[in-house]
Amino acid sequence: MEIKELIDSIHYNNDESAFNELYKLLINSLNQFAWSFLGDKEACEEIINDLFVNVWTGRHKLNKISNPKVYFYVAIKNACLNHIRSNTSKRNRDAKLAETYYFHLSVDPSQLLISKELEAGVLRAVNSLPPRCKLIFKMVKEDELSCNEVADILGLSNKTVFAQLAIALKKLDEALGNK
């Protein structure tokens, strides 16, 4: 089922199995997204679990969510930023916010048909991207969000997201020797 169908089933039927399926469908991508903000496994798990508890307890209002995928990402982003604000000193908070857009590129083993050398080149190229380019690239290419959804989640204009993605793709192309 798609996210919207699961949300509808939870909202209209109080369907626990749809809720469990929704959790399983989103947990990995939301965990990676939260990790990019916090770098703390326990805090990420707590924030994600709190979000899903709120989804279940507020299931009678779920029909008001027009784009559930964006809703989940924005909720995680806001919860992570609140966590950073409340749990760190001013100096530590500034350091954490500077690292906010850090992420780990995960490689799907089923797609390891490319050579180790090319894989290493891609990882080096991605890691050399500026932080915002890395985050946008990850959200579009790995999390399969549209540029419009990324713009909504990060509070950026569509033009900024498109420009950052174009910069990321150009730098990756150059780094991989396609100058």
N, C-alpha and C. Protein backbone atom coordinates (compact mmCIF):
# COMPACT_ATOMS: atom_id res chain seq x y z
N MET A 1 0.83 -1.19 0.00
CA MET A 1 0.00 0.00 0.00
C MET A 1 0.87 1.25 0.00
N GLU A 2 0.33 2.32 -0.53
CA GLU A 2 1.01 3.60 -0.50
C GLU A 2 0.76 4.27 0.84
N ILE A 3 1.58 5.28 1.13
CA ILE A 3 1.48 5.99 2.41
C ILE A 3 0.08 6.56 2.60
N LYS A 4 -0.45 7.20 1.56
CA LYS A 4 -1.77 7.84 1.67
C LYS A 4 -2.86 6.81 1.97
N GLU A 5 -2.77 5.64 1.34
CA GLU A 5 -3.76 4.59 1.60
C GLU A 5 -3.66 4.08 3.04
N LEU A 6 -2.44 3.95 3.54
CA LEU A 6 -2.25 3.51 4.92
C LEU A 6 -2.80 4.55 5.89
N ILE A 7 -2.51 5.83 5.62
CA ILE A 7 -3.01 6.92 6.47
C ILE A 7 -4.55 6.89 6.50
N ASP A 8 -5.17 6.71 5.32
CA ASP A 8 -6.63 6.67 5.26
C ASP A 8 -7.18 5.49 6.07
N SER A 9 -6.53 4.33 5.96
CA SER A 9 -6.98 3.16 6.69
C SER A 9 -6.84 3.36 8.20
N ILE A 10 -5.77 4.00 8.61
CA ILE A 10 -5.57 4.30 10.04
C ILE A 10 -6.65 5.29 10.50
N HIS A 11 -6.87 6.33 9.70
CA HIS A 11 -7.82 7.38 10.06
C HIS A 11 -9.25 6.86 10.12
N TYR A 12 -9.69 6.21 9.06
CA TYR A 12 -11.09 5.83 8.96
C TYR A 12 -11.43 4.52 9.66
N ASN A 13 -10.46 3.59 9.74
CA ASN A 13 -10.75 2.25 10.28
C ASN A 13 -10.02 1.93 11.57
N ASN A 14 -9.23 2.86 12.10
CA ASN A 14 -8.41 2.58 13.28
C ASN A 14 -7.60 1.31 13.08
N ASP A 15 -7.05 1.16 11.89
CA ASP A 15 -6.39 -0.07 11.46
C ASP A 15 -4.96 -0.15 12.01
N GLU A 16 -4.77 -1.02 13.01
CA GLU A 16 -3.45 -1.19 13.62
C GLU A 16 -2.46 -1.83 12.66
N SER A 17 -2.91 -2.73 11.82
CA SER A 17 -1.98 -3.37 10.88
C SER A 17 -1.50 -2.36 9.85
N ALA A 18 -2.34 -1.43 9.43
CA ALA A 18 -1.92 -0.36 8.51
C ALA A 18 -0.91 0.55 9.21
N PHE A 19 -1.15 0.81 10.50
CA PHE A 19 -0.21 1.63 11.27
C PHE A 19 1.16 0.94 11.33
N ASN A 20 1.17 -0.37 11.61
CA ASN A 20 2.43 -1.12 11.66
C ASN A 20 3.13 -1.12 10.31
N GLU A 21 2.35 -1.25 9.24
CA GLU A 21 2.92 -1.24 7.90
C GLU A 21 3.50 0.13 7.57
N LEU A 22 2.81 1.19 7.96
CA LEU A 22 3.30 2.55 7.76
C LEU A 22 4.64 2.74 8.49
N TYR A 23 4.70 2.27 9.72
CA TYR A 23 5.92 2.36 10.50
C TYR A 23 7.08 1.64 9.79
N LYS A 24 6.83 0.41 9.35
CA LYS A 24 7.86 -0.37 8.66
C LYS A 24 8.28 0.29 7.36
N LEU A 25 7.35 0.91 6.68
CA LEU A 25 7.63 1.56 5.40
C LEU A 25 8.52 2.79 5.57
N LEU A 26 8.33 3.53 6.66
CA LEU A 26 9.03 4.81 6.83
C LEU A 26 10.22 4.79 7.78
N ILE A 27 10.32 3.80 8.64
CA ILE A 27 11.30 3.84 9.72
C ILE A 27 12.74 4.05 9.24
N ASN A 28 13.17 3.35 8.22
CA ASN A 28 14.57 3.46 7.80
C ASN A 28 14.90 4.83 7.24
N SER A 29 14.06 5.36 6.36
CA SER A 29 14.36 6.67 5.78
C SER A 29 14.24 7.77 6.82
N LEU A 30 13.26 7.68 7.72
CA LEU A 30 13.14 8.70 8.77
C LEU A 30 14.30 8.62 9.75
N ASN A 31 14.76 7.40 10.03
CA ASN A 31 15.90 7.24 10.93
C ASN A 31 17.17 7.85 10.32
N GLN A 32 17.40 7.62 9.03
CA GLN A 32 18.57 8.22 8.37
C GLN A 32 18.45 9.74 8.37
N PHE A 33 17.26 10.23 8.14
CA PHE A 33 17.05 11.68 8.11
C PHE A 33 17.30 12.27 9.50
N ALA A 34 16.76 11.66 10.54
CA ALA A 34 16.98 12.14 11.91
C ALA A 34 18.46 12.05 12.28
N TRP A 35 19.12 10.98 11.84
CA TRP A 35 20.55 10.80 12.11
C TRP A 35 21.36 11.95 11.51
N SER A 36 20.94 12.44 10.36
CA SER A 36 21.68 13.53 9.71
C SER A 36 21.63 14.80 10.55
N PHE A 37 20.65 14.91 11.43
CA PHE A 37 20.57 16.06 12.33
C PHE A 37 21.29 15.81 13.64
N LEU A 38 21.09 14.63 14.21
CA LEU A 38 21.50 14.39 15.59
C LEU A 38 22.76 13.54 15.75
N GLY A 39 22.95 12.55 14.91
CA GLY A 39 24.07 11.65 15.08
C GLY A 39 24.01 10.87 16.39
N ASP A 40 22.82 10.67 16.90
CA ASP A 40 22.61 10.00 18.18
C ASP A 40 21.46 9.00 18.01
N LYS A 41 21.81 7.70 18.01
CA LYS A 41 20.85 6.63 17.73
C LYS A 41 19.65 6.68 18.68
N GLU A 42 19.91 6.81 19.98
CA GLU A 42 18.82 6.79 20.95
C GLU A 42 17.89 7.98 20.78
N ALA A 43 18.45 9.16 20.55
CA ALA A 43 17.62 10.35 20.36
C ALA A 43 16.78 10.21 19.09
N CYS A 44 17.37 9.67 18.03
CA CYS A 44 16.63 9.46 16.78
C CYS A 44 15.46 8.52 17.00
N GLU A 45 15.72 7.40 17.67
CA GLU A 45 14.66 6.43 17.93
C GLU A 45 13.55 7.05 18.77
N GLU A 46 13.93 7.83 19.78
CA GLU A 46 12.93 8.46 20.64
C GLU A 46 12.06 9.44 19.85
N ILE A 47 12.68 10.25 19.02
CA ILE A 47 11.94 11.22 18.23
C ILE A 47 11.00 10.53 17.25
N ILE A 48 11.48 9.49 16.59
CA ILE A 48 10.64 8.78 15.62
C ILE A 48 9.49 8.08 16.34
N ASN A 49 9.78 7.44 17.45
CA ASN A 49 8.72 6.75 18.19
C ASN A 49 7.68 7.74 18.72
N ASP A 50 8.14 8.91 19.20
CA ASP A 50 7.20 9.94 19.65
C ASP A 50 6.30 10.38 18.50
N LEU A 51 6.88 10.54 17.30
CA LEU A 51 6.09 10.93 16.14
C LEU A 51 5.01 9.90 15.86
N PHE A 52 5.37 8.62 15.88
CA PHE A 52 4.39 7.58 15.57
C PHE A 52 3.34 7.43 16.67
N VAL A 53 3.72 7.68 17.92
CA VAL A 53 2.73 7.69 19.00
C VAL A 53 1.73 8.81 18.75
N ASN A 54 2.25 9.98 18.36
CA ASN A 54 1.37 11.12 18.06
C ASN A 54 0.47 10.84 16.86
N VAL A 55 1.00 10.13 15.87
CA VAL A 55 0.19 9.78 14.70
C VAL A 55 -0.96 8.88 15.15
N TRP A 56 -0.65 7.88 15.97
CA TRP A 56 -1.70 6.96 16.40
C TRP A 56 -2.73 7.67 17.29
N THR A 57 -2.26 8.44 18.26
CA THR A 57 -3.21 9.10 19.16
C THR A 57 -3.99 10.20 18.46
N GLY A 58 -3.43 10.77 17.41
CA GLY A 58 -4.13 11.80 16.66
C GLY A 58 -4.69 11.30 15.35
N ARG A 59 -4.93 10.00 15.26
CA ARG A 59 -5.35 9.40 13.99
C ARG A 59 -6.67 9.97 13.47
N HIS A 60 -7.51 10.50 14.36
CA HIS A 60 -8.78 11.09 13.92
C HIS A 60 -8.57 12.39 13.13
N LYS A 61 -7.34 12.94 13.15
CA LYS A 61 -7.04 14.17 12.40
C LYS A 61 -6.17 13.92 11.18
N LEU A 62 -5.83 12.67 10.90
CA LEU A 62 -4.90 12.36 9.82
C LEU A 62 -5.41 12.77 8.44
N ASN A 63 -6.72 12.85 8.26
CA ASN A 63 -7.26 13.20 6.95
C ASN A 63 -6.93 14.64 6.56
N LYS A 64 -6.46 15.44 7.51
CA LYS A 64 -6.11 16.83 7.24
C LYS A 64 -4.72 16.98 6.64
N ILE A 65 -3.94 15.90 6.61
CA ILE A 65 -2.58 15.94 6.06
C ILE A 65 -2.66 15.74 4.55
N SER A 66 -2.26 16.77 3.80
CA SER A 66 -2.38 16.68 2.34
C SER A 66 -1.23 15.88 1.71
N ASN A 67 -0.03 15.97 2.26
CA ASN A 67 1.11 15.23 1.72
C ASN A 67 1.81 14.53 2.89
N PRO A 68 1.41 13.29 3.18
CA PRO A 68 1.93 12.59 4.37
C PRO A 68 3.45 12.44 4.39
N LYS A 69 4.07 12.18 3.25
CA LYS A 69 5.53 11.97 3.25
C LYS A 69 6.24 13.25 3.69
N VAL A 70 5.82 14.39 3.15
CA VAL A 70 6.41 15.67 3.55
C VAL A 70 6.11 15.93 5.02
N TYR A 71 4.89 15.61 5.46
CA TYR A 71 4.52 15.80 6.86
C TYR A 71 5.49 15.07 7.80
N PHE A 72 5.80 13.81 7.49
CA PHE A 72 6.69 13.03 8.34
C PHE A 72 8.09 13.63 8.38
N TYR A 73 8.62 14.02 7.23
CA TYR A 73 9.96 14.60 7.19
C TYR A 73 10.02 15.94 7.93
N VAL A 74 9.01 16.78 7.74
CA VAL A 74 9.00 18.08 8.43
C VAL A 74 8.87 17.86 9.93
N ALA A 75 8.03 16.92 10.34
CA ALA A 75 7.87 16.64 11.77
C ALA A 75 9.19 16.17 12.38
N ILE A 76 9.92 15.30 11.68
CA ILE A 76 11.21 14.82 12.18
C ILE A 76 12.21 15.98 12.23
N LYS A 77 12.27 16.78 11.17
CA LYS A 77 13.19 17.92 11.15
C LYS A 77 12.92 18.84 12.34
N ASN A 78 11.66 19.19 12.56
CA ASN A 78 11.33 20.10 13.65
C ASN A 78 11.64 19.50 15.02
N ALA A 79 11.34 18.23 15.18
CA ALA A 79 11.64 17.56 16.46
C ALA A 79 13.14 17.50 16.70
N CYS A 80 13.91 17.24 15.66
CA CYS A 80 15.38 17.19 15.80
C CYS A 80 15.93 18.56 16.16
N LEU A 81 15.44 19.59 15.50
CA LEU A 81 15.92 20.94 15.80
C LEU A 81 15.53 21.35 17.23
N ASN A 82 14.33 20.98 17.66
CA ASN A 82 13.93 21.25 19.05
C ASN A 82 14.82 20.49 20.02
N HIS A 83 15.16 19.26 19.69
CA HIS A 83 16.04 18.46 20.54
C HIS A 83 17.42 19.13 20.65
N ILE A 84 17.93 19.58 19.52
CA ILE A 84 19.24 20.25 19.52
C ILE A 84 19.18 21.51 20.38
N ARG A 85 18.14 22.29 20.20
CA ARG A 85 18.00 23.54 20.97
C ARG A 85 17.91 23.27 22.47
N SER A 86 17.18 22.24 22.85
CA SER A 86 16.94 22.02 24.27
C SER A 86 18.04 21.24 24.98
N ASN A 87 18.89 20.55 24.24
CA ASN A 87 19.86 19.67 24.89
C ASN A 87 21.32 20.07 24.73
N THR A 88 21.58 21.23 24.21
CA THR A 88 22.97 21.63 24.04
C THR A 88 23.18 23.07 24.47
N SER A 89 24.37 23.36 24.86
CA SER A 89 24.71 24.74 25.19
C SER A 89 24.80 25.54 23.90
N LYS A 90 24.92 26.85 24.02
CA LYS A 90 25.01 27.71 22.83
C LYS A 90 26.16 27.29 21.93
N ARG A 91 27.32 27.05 22.49
CA ARG A 91 28.48 26.68 21.68
C ARG A 91 28.28 25.32 21.02
N ASN A 92 27.78 24.35 21.80
CA ASN A 92 27.53 23.03 21.23
C ASN A 92 26.42 23.07 20.20
N ARG A 93 25.41 23.90 20.46
CA ARG A 93 24.30 24.02 19.52
C ARG A 93 24.80 24.53 18.17
N ASP A 94 25.67 25.53 18.19
CA ASP A 94 26.20 26.05 16.93
C ASP A 94 26.97 24.96 16.18
N ALA A 95 27.73 24.17 16.91
CA ALA A 95 28.48 23.08 16.27
C ALA A 95 27.52 22.03 15.71
N LYS A 96 26.48 21.69 16.46
CA LYS A 96 25.51 20.71 15.99
C LYS A 96 24.77 21.22 14.75
N LEU A 97 24.37 22.49 14.76
CA LEU A 97 23.66 23.03 13.61
C LEU A 97 24.55 23.07 12.38
N ALA A 98 25.84 23.28 12.58
CA ALA A 98 26.77 23.26 11.45
C ALA A 98 26.86 21.86 10.86
N GLU A 99 26.65 20.86 11.70
CA GLU A 99 26.70 19.46 11.24
C GLU A 99 25.34 18.92 10.83
N THR A 100 24.31 19.75 10.94
CA THR A 100 22.94 19.31 10.72
C THR A 100 22.76 18.58 9.40
N TYR A 101 23.42 19.04 8.36
CA TYR A 101 23.17 18.47 7.04
C TYR A 101 24.14 17.34 6.69
N TYR A 102 24.86 16.84 7.67
CA TYR A 102 25.75 15.71 7.43
C TYR A 102 24.92 14.46 7.24
N PHE A 103 25.33 13.59 6.37
CA PHE A 103 24.63 12.33 6.19
C PHE A 103 25.63 11.26 5.78
N HIS A 104 25.17 10.02 5.88
CA HIS A 104 25.96 8.88 5.43
C HIS A 104 25.31 8.33 4.17
N LEU A 105 26.08 8.17 3.14
CA LEU A 105 25.58 7.57 1.91
C LEU A 105 25.53 6.07 2.11
N SER A 106 24.35 5.53 2.04
CA SER A 106 24.23 4.08 2.20
C SER A 106 24.17 3.45 0.82
N VAL A 107 24.89 2.39 0.66
CA VAL A 107 24.95 1.71 -0.62
C VAL A 107 24.13 0.43 -0.52
N ASP A 108 23.22 0.27 -1.43
CA ASP A 108 22.38 -0.92 -1.48
C ASP A 108 23.20 -2.07 -2.07
N PRO A 109 23.39 -3.16 -1.32
CA PRO A 109 24.23 -4.27 -1.81
C PRO A 109 23.75 -4.84 -3.15
N SER A 110 22.46 -4.77 -3.40
CA SER A 110 21.97 -5.31 -4.67
C SER A 110 22.39 -4.47 -5.86
N GLN A 111 22.88 -3.28 -5.59
CA GLN A 111 23.29 -2.40 -6.69
C GLN A 111 24.80 -2.28 -6.81
N LEU A 112 25.52 -3.20 -6.22
CA LEU A 112 26.98 -3.14 -6.25
C LEU A 112 27.56 -3.78 -7.51
N LEU A 113 26.92 -3.50 -8.64
CA LEU A 113 27.40 -4.02 -9.90
C LEU A 113 28.55 -3.17 -10.44
N ILE A 114 28.69 -1.97 -9.91
CA ILE A 114 29.78 -1.11 -10.37
C ILE A 114 31.06 -1.49 -9.64
N SER A 115 32.15 -1.14 -10.21
CA SER A 115 33.44 -1.52 -9.61
C SER A 115 33.68 -0.80 -8.30
N LYS A 116 34.53 -1.37 -7.47
CA LYS A 116 34.90 -0.75 -6.20
C LYS A 116 35.55 0.60 -6.41
N GLU A 117 36.31 0.73 -7.48
CA GLU A 117 36.96 2.00 -7.77
C GLU A 117 35.95 3.10 -8.06
N LEU A 118 34.96 2.80 -8.87
CA LEU A 118 33.93 3.77 -9.19
C LEU A 118 33.11 4.10 -7.94
N GLU A 119 32.81 3.08 -7.16
CA GLU A 119 32.07 3.29 -5.92
C GLU A 119 32.84 4.23 -4.99
N ALA A 120 34.14 4.00 -4.85
CA ALA A 120 34.95 4.87 -4.00
C ALA A 120 34.98 6.29 -4.56
N GLY A 121 35.02 6.42 -5.88
CA GLY A 121 35.00 7.74 -6.51
C GLY A 121 33.70 8.47 -6.25
N VAL A 122 32.59 7.75 -6.31
CA VAL A 122 31.29 8.36 -6.04
C VAL A 122 31.23 8.82 -4.58
N LEU A 123 31.66 7.97 -3.67
CA LEU A 123 31.63 8.35 -2.25
C LEU A 123 32.51 9.56 -1.98
N ARG A 124 33.70 9.59 -2.57
CA ARG A 124 34.58 10.76 -2.41
C ARG A 124 33.92 12.01 -2.97
N ALA A 125 33.32 11.87 -4.13
CA ALA A 125 32.67 13.01 -4.77
C ALA A 125 31.50 13.52 -3.93
N VAL A 126 30.68 12.62 -3.43
CA VAL A 126 29.54 13.02 -2.60
C VAL A 126 30.04 13.67 -1.31
N ASN A 127 31.05 13.09 -0.69
CA ASN A 127 31.57 13.65 0.56
C ASN A 127 32.23 15.00 0.36
N SER A 128 32.65 15.31 -0.86
CA SER A 128 33.28 16.60 -1.12
C SER A 128 32.27 17.70 -1.40
N LEU A 129 30.99 17.33 -1.51
CA LEU A 129 29.96 18.33 -1.77
C LEU A 129 29.76 19.23 -0.54
N PRO A 130 29.37 20.47 -0.76
CA PRO A 130 29.00 21.32 0.37
C PRO A 130 27.82 20.69 1.13
N PRO A 131 27.70 20.98 2.42
CA PRO A 131 26.68 20.30 3.24
C PRO A 131 25.26 20.36 2.68
N ARG A 132 24.82 21.53 2.23
CA ARG A 132 23.44 21.64 1.74
C ARG A 132 23.27 20.83 0.45
N CYS A 133 24.28 20.86 -0.41
CA CYS A 133 24.22 20.07 -1.64
C CYS A 133 24.12 18.58 -1.30
N LYS A 134 24.90 18.13 -0.31
CA LYS A 134 24.87 16.73 0.09
C LYS A 134 23.48 16.33 0.57
N LEU A 135 22.89 17.17 1.43
CA LEU A 135 21.58 16.84 1.98
C LEU A 135 20.53 16.78 0.88
N ILE A 136 20.52 17.77 0.00
CA ILE A 136 19.54 17.81 -1.08
C ILE A 136 19.74 16.62 -2.01
N PHE A 137 20.99 16.33 -2.36
CA PHE A 137 21.29 15.18 -3.21
C PHE A 137 20.76 13.90 -2.57
N LYS A 138 21.02 13.71 -1.28
CA LYS A 138 20.58 12.51 -0.56
C LYS A 138 19.06 12.41 -0.55
N MET A 139 18.40 13.51 -0.26
CA MET A 139 16.94 13.47 -0.16
C MET A 139 16.29 13.16 -1.52
N VAL A 140 16.85 13.71 -2.59
CA VAL A 140 16.28 13.48 -3.92
C VAL A 140 16.66 12.11 -4.45
N LYS A 141 17.93 11.75 -4.36
CA LYS A 141 18.41 10.52 -4.99
C LYS A 141 18.22 9.28 -4.13
N GLU A 142 18.37 9.39 -2.82
CA GLU A 142 18.24 8.22 -1.95
C GLU A 142 16.85 8.08 -1.36
N ASP A 143 16.31 9.18 -0.85
CA ASP A 143 14.99 9.12 -0.22
C ASP A 143 13.87 9.25 -1.24
N GLU A 144 14.24 9.52 -2.50
CA GLU A 144 13.30 9.60 -3.61
C GLU A 144 12.20 10.62 -3.39
N LEU A 145 12.58 11.75 -2.79
CA LEU A 145 11.64 12.85 -2.64
C LEU A 145 11.74 13.74 -3.87
N SER A 146 10.65 14.39 -4.22
CA SER A 146 10.70 15.33 -5.34
C SER A 146 11.39 16.61 -4.88
N CYS A 147 11.84 17.40 -5.84
CA CYS A 147 12.47 18.67 -5.50
C CYS A 147 11.50 19.57 -4.76
N ASN A 148 10.22 19.53 -5.13
CA ASN A 148 9.22 20.35 -4.43
C ASN A 148 9.05 19.89 -2.98
N GLU A 149 9.06 18.57 -2.75
CA GLU A 149 8.95 18.06 -1.38
C GLU A 149 10.16 18.45 -0.55
N VAL A 150 11.35 18.37 -1.15
CA VAL A 150 12.58 18.78 -0.44
C VAL A 150 12.50 20.26 -0.08
N ALA A 151 12.02 21.07 -0.99
CA ALA A 151 11.88 22.51 -0.73
C ALA A 151 10.94 22.74 0.45
N ASP A 152 9.82 22.03 0.48
CA ASP A 152 8.87 22.16 1.59
C ASP A 152 9.49 21.72 2.91
N ILE A 153 10.18 20.60 2.89
CA ILE A 153 10.77 20.04 4.11
C ILE A 153 11.83 20.97 4.68
N LEU A 154 12.71 21.48 3.82
CA LEU A 154 13.84 22.30 4.28
C LEU A 154 13.50 23.78 4.36
N GLY A 155 12.32 24.16 3.94
CA GLY A 155 11.93 25.56 3.98
C GLY A 155 12.71 26.41 2.98
N LEU A 156 13.01 25.84 1.83
CA LEU A 156 13.75 26.55 0.79
C LEU A 156 12.83 26.76 -0.40
N SER A 157 13.24 27.66 -1.29
CA SER A 157 12.47 27.84 -2.52
C SER A 157 12.78 26.68 -3.46
N ASN A 158 11.88 26.42 -4.39
CA ASN A 158 12.10 25.37 -5.38
C ASN A 158 13.34 25.67 -6.20
N LYS A 159 13.54 26.94 -6.54
CA LYS A 159 14.70 27.34 -7.33
C LYS A 159 16.00 27.00 -6.61
N THR A 160 16.03 27.22 -5.29
CA THR A 160 17.23 26.92 -4.52
C THR A 160 17.52 25.42 -4.54
N VAL A 161 16.49 24.61 -4.38
CA VAL A 161 16.68 23.15 -4.40
C VAL A 161 17.17 22.71 -5.77
N PHE A 162 16.54 23.20 -6.84
CA PHE A 162 16.97 22.83 -8.19
C PHE A 162 18.41 23.27 -8.43
N ALA A 163 18.75 24.48 -7.98
CA ALA A 163 20.12 24.98 -8.18
C ALA A 163 21.13 24.14 -7.40
N GLN A 164 20.81 23.80 -6.16
CA GLN A 164 21.72 23.00 -5.34
C GLN A 164 21.88 21.60 -5.93
N LEU A 165 20.80 21.02 -6.42
CA LEU A 165 20.88 19.70 -7.04
C LEU A 165 21.72 19.76 -8.32
N ALA A 166 21.55 20.82 -9.10
CA ALA A 166 22.34 20.98 -10.32
C ALA A 166 23.82 21.12 -9.99
N ILE A 167 24.13 21.88 -8.95
CA ILE A 167 25.53 22.03 -8.51
C ILE A 167 26.08 20.68 -8.09
N ALA A 168 25.30 19.94 -7.30
CA ALA A 168 25.75 18.62 -6.82
C ALA A 168 26.02 17.69 -8.00
N LEU A 169 25.11 17.64 -8.94
CA LEU A 169 25.28 16.75 -10.09
C LEU A 169 26.48 17.16 -10.95
N LYS A 170 26.68 18.46 -11.12
CA LYS A 170 27.82 18.94 -11.91
C LYS A 170 29.13 18.57 -11.21
N LYS A 171 29.20 18.78 -9.89
CA LYS A 171 30.42 18.46 -9.15
C LYS A 171 30.69 16.95 -9.16
N LEU A 172 29.65 16.15 -9.06
CA LEU A 172 29.84 14.70 -9.12
C LEU A 172 30.32 14.29 -10.50
N ASP A 173 29.76 14.88 -11.54
CA ASP A 173 30.17 14.58 -12.90
C ASP A 173 31.65 14.93 -13.10
N GLU A 174 32.05 16.10 -12.61
CA GLU A 174 33.44 16.53 -12.72
C GLU A 174 34.38 15.61 -11.92
N ALA A 175 33.96 15.29 -10.72
CA ALA A 175 34.80 14.45 -9.86
C ALA A 175 34.99 13.05 -10.42
N LEU A 176 34.02 12.59 -11.20
CA LEU A 176 34.10 11.25 -11.77
C LEU A 176 34.78 11.26 -13.15
N GLY A 177 35.32 12.41 -13.50
CA GLY A 177 36.12 12.48 -14.72
C GLY A 177 35.35 12.73 -16.00
N ASN A 178 34.14 13.22 -15.89
CA ASN A 178 33.34 13.52 -17.07
C ASN A 178 33.31 15.02 -17.33
N LYS A 179 34.48 15.64 -17.29
CA LYS A 179 34.58 17.10 -17.38
C LYS A 179 34.23 17.63 -18.73
